[in-house]
Amino acid sequence: MAIAGTYKINLNTPMGMQTSTLTFTEKGDQISGSMVGELGENQFSGGKADGNKVSWNMDISAMGMQVSLSCEATVDGNSIKGTMSSPMGGADFSGQREG
């Protein structure tokens, strides 16, 4: 299943609901991309795709600190649903592929 694309997602974070744009580029089972939202733009690489499941790690700047996120998601058609976990807590997200 193709994971590559741009998704508009809603994140249910400890700081409230946030909207972001999550973009994946796929090369074989390797995933890279970016997330653009209220906390700016954050790039990632070294992610893995396994069928319709994707996982990646990403560092963001939040509340004046660098925070490492461990992310997992499942793509079902044009829908995506997953979690982003950090030492500060987790955030569930869901969204739709654009275009």
PDB file of N, CA and C in Angstrom:
ATOM      1  N   MET A   1       0.845  -1.187   0.000  1.00  0.00           N
ATOM      2  CA  MET A   1       0.000   0.000   0.000  1.00  0.00           C
ATOM      3  C   MET A   1       0.879   1.235   0.000  1.00  0.00           C
ATOM      4  N   ALA A   2       0.514   2.221  -0.771  1.00  0.00           N
ATOM      5  CA  ALA A   2       1.277   3.462  -0.843  1.00  0.00           C
ATOM      6  C   ALA A   2       0.976   4.340   0.365  1.00  0.00           C
ATOM      7  N   ILE A   3       2.027   4.705   1.065  1.00  0.00           N
ATOM      8  CA  ILE A   3       1.912   5.595   2.233  1.00  0.00           C
ATOM      9  C   ILE A   3       2.208   7.028   1.816  1.00  0.00           C
ATOM     10  N   ALA A   4       3.055   7.196   0.793  1.00  0.00           N
ATOM     11  CA  ALA A   4       3.496   8.529   0.376  1.00  0.00           C
ATOM     12  C   ALA A   4       2.310   9.446   0.119  1.00  0.00           C
ATOM     13  N   GLY A   5       2.489  10.710   0.503  1.00  0.00           N
ATOM     14  CA  GLY A   5       1.459  11.708   0.276  1.00  0.00           C
ATOM     15  C   GLY A   5       1.451  12.730   1.389  1.00  0.00           C
ATOM     16  N   THR A   6       0.496  13.627   1.292  1.00  0.00           N
ATOM     17  CA  THR A   6       0.327  14.698   2.276  1.00  0.00           C
ATOM     18  C   THR A   6      -1.010  14.512   2.970  1.00  0.00           C
ATOM     19  N   TYR A   7      -0.992  14.552   4.291  1.00  0.00           N
ATOM     20  CA  TYR A   7      -2.177  14.322   5.108  1.00  0.00           C
ATOM     21  C   TYR A   7      -2.422  15.536   6.006  1.00  0.00           C
ATOM     22  N   LYS A   8      -3.657  15.990   6.072  1.00  0.00           N
ATOM     23  CA  LYS A   8      -4.072  16.990   7.058  1.00  0.00           C
ATOM     24  C   LYS A   8      -4.496  16.195   8.286  1.00  0.00           C
ATOM     25  N   ILE A   9      -3.834  16.457   9.429  1.00  0.00           N
ATOM     26  CA  ILE A   9      -4.133  15.679  10.629  1.00  0.00           C
ATOM     27  C   ILE A   9      -4.548  16.591  11.775  1.00  0.00           C
ATOM     28  N   ASN A  10      -5.334  16.027  12.688  1.00  0.00           N
ATOM     29  CA  ASN A  10      -5.701  16.664  13.945  1.00  0.00           C
ATOM     30  C   ASN A  10      -5.022  15.893  15.059  1.00  0.00           C
ATOM     31  N   LEU A  11      -4.209  16.611  15.853  1.00  0.00           N
ATOM     32  CA  LEU A  11      -3.481  16.012  16.975  1.00  0.00           C
ATOM     33  C   LEU A  11      -4.188  16.361  18.266  1.00  0.00           C
ATOM     34  N   ASN A  12      -4.505  15.360  19.075  1.00  0.00           N
ATOM     35  CA  ASN A  12      -5.096  15.577  20.383  1.00  0.00           C
ATOM     36  C   ASN A  12      -3.958  15.583  21.403  1.00  0.00           C
ATOM     37  N   THR A  13      -3.348  16.750  21.660  1.00  0.00           N
ATOM     38  CA  THR A  13      -2.157  16.868  22.494  1.00  0.00           C
ATOM     39  C   THR A  13      -2.511  17.301  23.911  1.00  0.00           C
ATOM     40  N   PRO A  14      -1.554  17.174  24.845  1.00  0.00           N
ATOM     41  CA  PRO A  14      -1.784  17.699  26.199  1.00  0.00           C
ATOM     42  C   PRO A  14      -2.038  19.211  26.199  1.00  0.00           C
ATOM     43  N   MET A  15      -1.634  19.904  25.128  1.00  0.00           N
ATOM     44  CA  MET A  15      -1.850  21.348  25.015  1.00  0.00           C
ATOM     45  C   MET A  15      -3.128  21.667  24.238  1.00  0.00           C
ATOM     46  N   GLY A  16      -3.949  20.671  23.954  1.00  0.00           N
ATOM     47  CA  GLY A  16      -5.188  20.870  23.220  1.00  0.00           C
ATOM     48  C   GLY A  16      -5.080  20.366  21.785  1.00  0.00           C
ATOM     49  N   MET A  17      -6.164  20.514  21.032  1.00  0.00           N
ATOM     50  CA  MET A  17      -6.216  20.061  19.643  1.00  0.00           C
ATOM     51  C   MET A  17      -5.352  20.956  18.767  1.00  0.00           C
ATOM     52  N   GLN A  18      -4.525  20.339  17.929  1.00  0.00           N
ATOM     53  CA  GLN A  18      -3.683  21.066  16.987  1.00  0.00           C
ATOM     54  C   GLN A  18      -3.855  20.449  15.612  1.00  0.00           C
ATOM     55  N   THR A  19      -3.783  21.288  14.584  1.00  0.00           N
ATOM     56  CA  THR A  19      -3.874  20.842  13.203  1.00  0.00           C
ATOM     57  C   THR A  19      -2.494  20.936  12.569  1.00  0.00           C
ATOM     58  N   SER A  20      -2.090  19.904  11.856  1.00  0.00           N
ATOM     59  CA  SER A  20      -0.784  19.883  11.186  1.00  0.00           C
ATOM     60  C   SER A  20      -0.920  19.247   9.817  1.00  0.00           C
ATOM     61  N   THR A  21       0.108  19.441   9.007  1.00  0.00           N
ATOM     62  CA  THR A  21       0.214  18.781   7.713  1.00  0.00           C
ATOM     63  C   THR A  21       1.396  17.826   7.788  1.00  0.00           C
ATOM     64  N   LEU A  22       1.141  16.568   7.557  1.00  0.00           N
ATOM     65  CA  LEU A  22       2.148  15.510   7.639  1.00  0.00           C
ATOM     66  C   LEU A  22       2.402  14.991   6.231  1.00  0.00           C
ATOM     67  N   THR A  23       3.662  15.030   5.792  1.00  0.00           N
ATOM     68  CA  THR A  23       4.013  14.596   4.444  1.00  0.00           C
ATOM     69  C   THR A  23       5.010  13.447   4.509  1.00  0.00           C
ATOM     70  N   PHE A  24       4.730  12.378   3.764  1.00  0.00           N
ATOM     71  CA  PHE A  24       5.617  11.220   3.691  1.00  0.00           C
ATOM     72  C   PHE A  24       6.161  11.071   2.273  1.00  0.00           C
ATOM     73  N   THR A  25       7.450  10.768   2.177  1.00  0.00           N
ATOM     74  CA  THR A  25       8.088  10.347   0.941  1.00  0.00           C
ATOM     75  C   THR A  25       8.530   8.909   1.159  1.00  0.00           C
ATOM     76  N   GLU A  26       8.276   8.057   0.189  1.00  0.00           N
ATOM     77  CA  GLU A  26       8.517   6.620   0.338  1.00  0.00           C
ATOM     78  C   GLU A  26       9.531   6.153  -0.696  1.00  0.00           C
ATOM     79  N   LYS A  27      10.539   5.423  -0.251  1.00  0.00           N
ATOM     80  CA  LYS A  27      11.508   4.797  -1.146  1.00  0.00           C
ATOM     81  C   LYS A  27      11.711   3.376  -0.635  1.00  0.00           C
ATOM     82  N   GLY A  28      11.055   2.412  -1.303  1.00  0.00           N
ATOM     83  CA  GLY A  28      11.059   1.044  -0.790  1.00  0.00           C
ATOM     84  C   GLY A  28      10.312   1.022   0.529  1.00  0.00           C
ATOM     85  N   ASP A  29      10.964   0.500   1.579  1.00  0.00           N
ATOM     86  CA  ASP A  29      10.329   0.504   2.906  1.00  0.00           C
ATOM     87  C   ASP A  29      10.835   1.654   3.775  1.00  0.00           C
ATOM     88  N   GLN A  30      11.588   2.578   3.184  1.00  0.00           N
ATOM     89  CA  GLN A  30      12.128   3.737   3.907  1.00  0.00           C
ATOM     90  C   GLN A  30      11.184   4.934   3.776  1.00  0.00           C
ATOM     91  N   ILE A  31      10.967   5.625   4.905  1.00  0.00           N
ATOM     92  CA  ILE A  31      10.065   6.770   4.941  1.00  0.00           C
ATOM     93  C   ILE A  31      10.830   7.995   5.441  1.00  0.00           C
ATOM     94  N   SER A  32      10.598   9.120   4.796  1.00  0.00           N
ATOM     95  CA  SER A  32      11.085  10.410   5.282  1.00  0.00           C
ATOM     96  C   SER A  32       9.964  11.410   5.058  1.00  0.00           C
ATOM     97  N   GLY A  33      10.132  12.618   5.596  1.00  0.00           N
ATOM     98  CA  GLY A  33       9.090  13.613   5.376  1.00  0.00           C
ATOM     99  C   GLY A  33       9.180  14.770   6.332  1.00  0.00           C
ATOM    100  N   SER A  34       8.012  15.379   6.558  1.00  0.00           N
ATOM    101  CA  SER A  34       7.961  16.551   7.424  1.00  0.00           C
ATOM    102  C   SER A  34       6.587  16.681   8.059  1.00  0.00           C
ATOM    103  N   MET A  35       6.552  17.459   9.145  1.00  0.00           N
ATOM    104  CA  MET A  35       5.302  17.834   9.777  1.00  0.00           C
ATOM    105  C   MET A  35       5.337  19.347   9.966  1.00  0.00           C
ATOM    106  N   VAL A  36       4.323  20.026   9.461  1.00  0.00           N
ATOM    107  CA  VAL A  36       4.220  21.478   9.566  1.00  0.00           C
ATOM    108  C   VAL A  36       2.951  21.798  10.337  1.00  0.00           C
ATOM    109  N   GLY A  37       3.113  22.607  11.404  1.00  0.00           N
ATOM    110  CA  GLY A  37       1.956  22.980  12.206  1.00  0.00           C
ATOM    111  C   GLY A  37       2.278  24.133  13.125  1.00  0.00           C
ATOM    112  N   GLU A  38       1.559  24.197  14.214  1.00  0.00           N
ATOM    113  CA  GLU A  38       1.705  25.289  15.172  1.00  0.00           C
ATOM    114  C   GLU A  38       3.101  25.380  15.773  1.00  0.00           C
ATOM    115  N   LEU A  39       3.839  24.276  15.793  1.00  0.00           N
ATOM    116  CA  LEU A  39       5.195  24.270  16.353  1.00  0.00           C
ATOM    117  C   LEU A  39       6.256  24.416  15.265  1.00  0.00           C
ATOM    118  N   GLY A  40       5.861  24.867  14.076  1.00  0.00           N
ATOM    119  CA  GLY A  40       6.808  25.073  12.988  1.00  0.00           C
ATOM    120  C   GLY A  40       6.907  23.858  12.087  1.00  0.00           C
ATOM    121  N   GLU A  41       8.005  23.798  11.329  1.00  0.00           N
ATOM    122  CA  GLU A  41       8.243  22.678  10.413  1.00  0.00           C
ATOM    123  C   GLU A  41       9.336  21.793  10.976  1.00  0.00           C
ATOM    124  N   ASN A  42       9.072  20.499  11.012  1.00  0.00           N
ATOM    125  CA  ASN A  42      10.024  19.515  11.526  1.00  0.00           C
ATOM    126  C   ASN A  42      10.204  18.417  10.495  1.00  0.00           C
ATOM    127  N   GLN A  43      11.459  18.163  10.123  1.00  0.00           N
ATOM    128  CA  GLN A  43      11.808  17.128   9.149  1.00  0.00           C
ATOM    129  C   GLN A  43      12.111  15.817   9.873  1.00  0.00           C
ATOM    130  N   PHE A  44      11.932  14.700   9.178  1.00  0.00           N
ATOM    131  CA  PHE A  44      12.340  13.405   9.719  1.00  0.00           C
ATOM    132  C   PHE A  44      12.805  12.500   8.589  1.00  0.00           C
ATOM    133  N   SER A  45      13.616  11.518   8.945  1.00  0.00           N
ATOM    134  CA  SER A  45      14.077  10.499   7.997  1.00  0.00           C
ATOM    135  C   SER A  45      14.314   9.225   8.791  1.00  0.00           C
ATOM    136  N   GLY A  46      14.599   8.141   8.090  1.00  0.00           N
ATOM    137  CA  GLY A  46      14.874   6.877   8.764  1.00  0.00           C
ATOM    138  C   GLY A  46      13.645   6.132   9.232  1.00  0.00           C
ATOM    139  N   GLY A  47      12.459   6.548   8.766  1.00  0.00           N
ATOM    140  CA  GLY A  47      11.235   5.849   9.128  1.00  0.00           C
ATOM    141  C   GLY A  47      11.090   4.564   8.328  1.00  0.00           C
ATOM    142  N   LYS A  48      10.166   3.723   8.757  1.00  0.00           N
ATOM    143  CA  LYS A  48       9.934   2.425   8.107  1.00  0.00           C
ATOM    144  C   LYS A  48       8.469   2.257   7.746  1.00  0.00           C
ATOM    145  N   ALA A  49       8.238   1.674   6.588  1.00  0.00           N
ATOM    146  CA  ALA A  49       6.895   1.292   6.157  1.00  0.00           C
ATOM    147  C   ALA A  49       6.825  -0.230   6.127  1.00  0.00           C
ATOM    148  N   ASP A  50       5.724  -0.771   6.605  1.00  0.00           N
ATOM    149  CA  ASP A  50       5.484  -2.209   6.591  1.00  0.00           C
ATOM    150  C   ASP A  50       4.019  -2.413   6.232  1.00  0.00           C
ATOM    151  N   GLY A  51       3.763  -2.644   4.952  1.00  0.00           N
ATOM    152  CA  GLY A  51       2.378  -2.748   4.486  1.00  0.00           C
ATOM    153  C   GLY A  51       1.695  -1.401   4.634  1.00  0.00           C
ATOM    154  N   ASN A  52       0.610  -1.358   5.417  1.00  0.00           N
ATOM    155  CA  ASN A  52      -0.096  -0.093   5.624  1.00  0.00           C
ATOM    156  C   ASN A  52       0.293   0.579   6.946  1.00  0.00           C
ATOM    157  N   LYS A  53       1.344   0.071   7.599  1.00  0.00           N
ATOM    158  CA  LYS A  53       1.822   0.650   8.866  1.00  0.00           C
ATOM    159  C   LYS A  53       3.118   1.419   8.627  1.00  0.00           C
ATOM    160  N   VAL A  54       3.273   2.531   9.342  1.00  0.00           N
ATOM    161  CA  VAL A  54       4.457   3.365   9.212  1.00  0.00           C
ATOM    162  C   VAL A  54       4.913   3.785  10.611  1.00  0.00           C
ATOM    163  N   SER A  55       6.230   3.865  10.791  1.00  0.00           N
ATOM    164  CA  SER A  55       6.783   4.333  12.068  1.00  0.00           C
ATOM    165  C   SER A  55       7.981   5.228  11.778  1.00  0.00           C
ATOM    166  N   TRP A  56       8.158   6.252  12.609  1.00  0.00           N
ATOM    167  CA  TRP A  56       9.278   7.180  12.450  1.00  0.00           C
ATOM    168  C   TRP A  56       9.537   7.895  13.763  1.00  0.00           C
ATOM    169  N   ASN A  57      10.717   8.475  13.881  1.00  0.00           N
ATOM    170  CA  ASN A  57      11.089   9.291  15.030  1.00  0.00           C
ATOM    171  C   ASN A  57      11.343  10.702  14.534  1.00  0.00           C
ATOM    172  N   MET A  58      11.012  11.680  15.387  1.00  0.00           N
ATOM    173  CA  MET A  58      11.127  13.065  14.987  1.00  0.00           C
ATOM    174  C   MET A  58      11.424  13.911  16.218  1.00  0.00           C
ATOM    175  N   ASP A  59      12.303  14.895  16.070  1.00  0.00           N
ATOM    176  CA  ASP A  59      12.587  15.850  17.138  1.00  0.00           C
ATOM    177  C   ASP A  59      11.858  17.148  16.836  1.00  0.00           C
ATOM    178  N   ILE A  60      11.164  17.691  17.860  1.00  0.00           N
ATOM    179  CA  ILE A  60      10.468  18.963  17.711  1.00  0.00           C
ATOM    180  C   ILE A  60      10.883  19.893  18.849  1.00  0.00           C
ATOM    181  N   SER A  61      10.611  21.159  18.682  1.00  0.00           N
ATOM    182  CA  SER A  61      10.825  22.143  19.730  1.00  0.00           C
ATOM    183  C   SER A  61       9.455  22.499  20.294  1.00  0.00           C
ATOM    184  N   ALA A  62       9.262  22.244  21.604  1.00  0.00           N
ATOM    185  CA  ALA A  62       7.974  22.518  22.241  1.00  0.00           C
ATOM    186  C   ALA A  62       8.219  23.098  23.628  1.00  0.00           C
ATOM    187  N   MET A  63       7.555  24.192  23.921  1.00  0.00           N
ATOM    188  CA  MET A  63       7.664  24.849  25.235  1.00  0.00           C
ATOM    189  C   MET A  63       9.123  25.138  25.590  1.00  0.00           C
ATOM    190  N   GLY A  64       9.918  25.526  24.589  1.00  0.00           N
ATOM    191  CA  GLY A  64      11.308  25.887  24.815  1.00  0.00           C
ATOM    192  C   GLY A  64      12.256  24.718  24.996  1.00  0.00           C
ATOM    193  N   MET A  65      11.789  23.498  24.727  1.00  0.00           N
ATOM    194  CA  MET A  65      12.618  22.307  24.888  1.00  0.00           C
ATOM    195  C   MET A  65      12.628  21.495  23.597  1.00  0.00           C
ATOM    196  N   GLN A  66      13.720  20.747  23.371  1.00  0.00           N
ATOM    197  CA  GLN A  66      13.762  19.768  22.287  1.00  0.00           C
ATOM    198  C   GLN A  66      13.089  18.502  22.806  1.00  0.00           C
ATOM    199  N   VAL A  67      12.130  17.996  22.061  1.00  0.00           N
ATOM    200  CA  VAL A  67      11.371  16.815  22.457  1.00  0.00           C
ATOM    201  C   VAL A  67      11.474  15.781  21.346  1.00  0.00           C
ATOM    202  N   SER A  68      11.812  14.546  21.714  1.00  0.00           N
ATOM    203  CA  SER A  68      11.878  13.442  20.759  1.00  0.00           C
ATOM    204  C   SER A  68      10.545  12.711  20.741  1.00  0.00           C
ATOM    205  N   LEU A  69       9.984  12.565  19.547  1.00  0.00           N
ATOM    206  CA  LEU A  69       8.722  11.856  19.372  1.00  0.00           C
ATOM    207  C   LEU A  69       8.962  10.512  18.708  1.00  0.00           C
ATOM    208  N   SER A  70       8.268   9.507  19.187  1.00  0.00           N
ATOM    209  CA  SER A  70       8.228   8.195  18.560  1.00  0.00           C
ATOM    210  C   SER A  70       6.822   8.056  17.983  1.00  0.00           C
ATOM    211  N   CYS A  71       6.730   7.882  16.661  1.00  0.00           N
ATOM    212  CA  CYS A  71       5.440   7.954  15.976  1.00  0.00           C
ATOM    213  C   CYS A  71       5.116   6.637  15.263  1.00  0.00           C
ATOM    214  N   GLU A  72       3.837   6.274  15.301  1.00  0.00           N
ATOM    215  CA  GLU A  72       3.334   5.100  14.596  1.00  0.00           C
ATOM    216  C   GLU A  72       1.982   5.435  14.010  1.00  0.00           C
ATOM    217  N   ALA A  73       1.697   4.912  12.832  1.00  0.00           N
ATOM    218  CA  ALA A  73       0.403   5.169  12.208  1.00  0.00           C
ATOM    219  C   ALA A  73       0.023   4.020  11.291  1.00  0.00           C
ATOM    220  N   THR A  74      -1.266   3.973  11.001  1.00  0.00           N
ATOM    221  CA  THR A  74      -1.820   3.037  10.033  1.00  0.00           C
ATOM    222  C   THR A  74      -2.556   3.837   8.982  1.00  0.00           C
ATOM    223  N   VAL A  75      -2.286   3.533   7.716  1.00  0.00           N
ATOM    224  CA  VAL A  75      -2.967   4.176   6.598  1.00  0.00           C
ATOM    225  C   VAL A  75      -4.010   3.196   6.066  1.00  0.00           C
ATOM    226  N   ASP A  76      -5.246   3.678   5.937  1.00  0.00           N
ATOM    227  CA  ASP A  76      -6.346   2.873   5.417  1.00  0.00           C
ATOM    228  C   ASP A  76      -6.978   3.667   4.283  1.00  0.00           C
ATOM    229  N   GLY A  77      -6.593   3.356   3.045  1.00  0.00           N
ATOM    230  CA  GLY A  77      -7.054   4.141   1.901  1.00  0.00           C
ATOM    231  C   GLY A  77      -6.450   5.533   1.975  1.00  0.00           C
ATOM    232  N   ASN A  78      -7.305   6.554   2.125  1.00  0.00           N
ATOM    233  CA  ASN A  78      -6.839   7.930   2.252  1.00  0.00           C
ATOM    234  C   ASN A  78      -6.874   8.430   3.691  1.00  0.00           C
ATOM    235  N   SER A  79      -7.147   7.542   4.645  1.00  0.00           N
ATOM    236  CA  SER A  79      -7.196   7.915   6.057  1.00  0.00           C
ATOM    237  C   SER A  79      -5.928   7.474   6.770  1.00  0.00           C
ATOM    238  N   ILE A  80      -5.519   8.257   7.768  1.00  0.00           N
ATOM    239  CA  ILE A  80      -4.381   7.899   8.604  1.00  0.00           C
ATOM    240  C   ILE A  80      -4.789   8.078  10.057  1.00  0.00           C
ATOM    241  N   LYS A  81      -4.289   7.181  10.915  1.00  0.00           N
ATOM    242  CA  LYS A  81      -4.601   7.230  12.336  1.00  0.00           C
ATOM    243  C   LYS A  81      -3.386   6.708  13.079  1.00  0.00           C
ATOM    244  N   GLY A  82      -2.981   7.391  14.160  1.00  0.00           N
ATOM    245  CA  GLY A  82      -1.813   6.928  14.888  1.00  0.00           C
ATOM    246  C   GLY A  82      -1.578   7.649  16.189  1.00  0.00           C
ATOM    247  N   THR A  83      -0.351   7.474  16.713  1.00  0.00           N
ATOM    248  CA  THR A  83       0.046   8.093  17.975  1.00  0.00           C
ATOM    249  C   THR A  83       1.452   8.660  17.843  1.00  0.00           C
ATOM    250  N   MET A  84       1.684   9.722  18.589  1.00  0.00           N
ATOM    251  CA  MET A  84       3.013  10.310  18.753  1.00  0.00           C
ATOM    252  C   MET A  84       3.291  10.309  20.246  1.00  0.00           C
ATOM    253  N   SER A  85       4.362   9.612  20.655  1.00  0.00           N
ATOM    254  CA  SER A  85       4.687   9.482  22.073  1.00  0.00           C
ATOM    255  C   SER A  85       5.982  10.202  22.383  1.00  0.00           C
ATOM    256  N   SER A  86       6.025  10.844  23.561  1.00  0.00           N
ATOM    257  CA  SER A  86       7.229  11.526  24.027  1.00  0.00           C
ATOM    258  C   SER A  86       7.345  11.337  25.533  1.00  0.00           C
ATOM    259  N   PRO A  87       8.480  11.713  26.117  1.00  0.00           N
ATOM    260  CA  PRO A  87       8.600  11.638  27.568  1.00  0.00           C
ATOM    261  C   PRO A  87       7.567  12.515  28.287  1.00  0.00           C
ATOM    262  N   MET A  88       7.003  13.504  27.580  1.00  0.00           N
ATOM    263  CA  MET A  88       6.016  14.407  28.172  1.00  0.00           C
ATOM    264  C   MET A  88       4.592  13.876  28.040  1.00  0.00           C
ATOM    265  N   GLY A  89       4.407  12.764  27.355  1.00  0.00           N
ATOM    266  CA  GLY A  89       3.073  12.211  27.149  1.00  0.00           C
ATOM    267  C   GLY A  89       2.853  11.883  25.687  1.00  0.00           C
ATOM    268  N   GLY A  90       1.654  11.495  25.378  1.00  0.00           N
ATOM    269  CA  GLY A  90       1.345  11.081  24.020  1.00  0.00           C
ATOM    270  C   GLY A  90       0.258  11.923  23.393  1.00  0.00           C
ATOM    271  N   ALA A  91       0.145  11.803  22.082  1.00  0.00           N
ATOM    272  CA  ALA A  91      -0.894  12.497  21.331  1.00  0.00           C
ATOM    273  C   ALA A  91      -1.422  11.551  20.263  1.00  0.00           C
ATOM    274  N   ASP A  92      -2.711  11.330  20.267  1.00  0.00           N
ATOM    275  CA  ASP A  92      -3.350  10.574  19.191  1.00  0.00           C
ATOM    276  C   ASP A  92      -3.623  11.521  18.035  1.00  0.00           C
ATOM    277  N   PHE A  93      -3.605  10.999  16.812  1.00  0.00           N
ATOM    278  CA  PHE A  93      -3.925  11.829  15.663  1.00  0.00           C
ATOM    279  C   PHE A  93      -4.684  11.029  14.620  1.00  0.00           C
ATOM    280  N   SER A  94      -5.404  11.746  13.791  1.00  0.00           N
ATOM    281  CA  SER A  94      -6.081  11.141  12.661  1.00  0.00           C
ATOM    282  C   SER A  94      -6.243  12.209  11.587  1.00  0.00           C
ATOM    283  N   GLY A  95      -6.426  11.774  10.368  1.00  0.00           N
ATOM    284  CA  GLY A  95      -6.576  12.729   9.289  1.00  0.00           C
ATOM    285  C   GLY A  95      -6.815  12.062   7.954  1.00  0.00           C
ATOM    286  N   GLN A  96      -6.785  12.905   6.905  1.00  0.00           N
ATOM    287  CA  GLN A  96      -7.086  12.474   5.548  1.00  0.00           C
ATOM    288  C   GLN A  96      -5.986  12.904   4.594  1.00  0.00           C
ATOM    289  N   ARG A  97      -5.711  12.063   3.600  1.00  0.00           N
ATOM    290  CA  ARG A  97      -4.754  12.395   2.539  1.00  0.00           C
ATOM    291  C   ARG A  97      -5.366  13.518   1.686  1.00  0.00           C
ATOM    292  N   GLU A  98      -4.517  14.485   1.320  1.00  0.00           N
ATOM    293  CA  GLU A  98      -4.954  15.563   0.441  1.00  0.00           C
ATOM    294  C   GLU A  98      -4.758  15.136  -1.020  1.00  0.00           C
ATOM    295  N   GLY A  99      -5.563  15.757  -1.888  1.00  0.00           N
ATOM    296  CA  GLY A  99      -5.388  15.522  -3.320  1.00  0.00           C
ATOM    297  C   GLY A  99      -5.934  14.232  -3.718  1.00  0.00           C
TER     298      GLY A  99
END
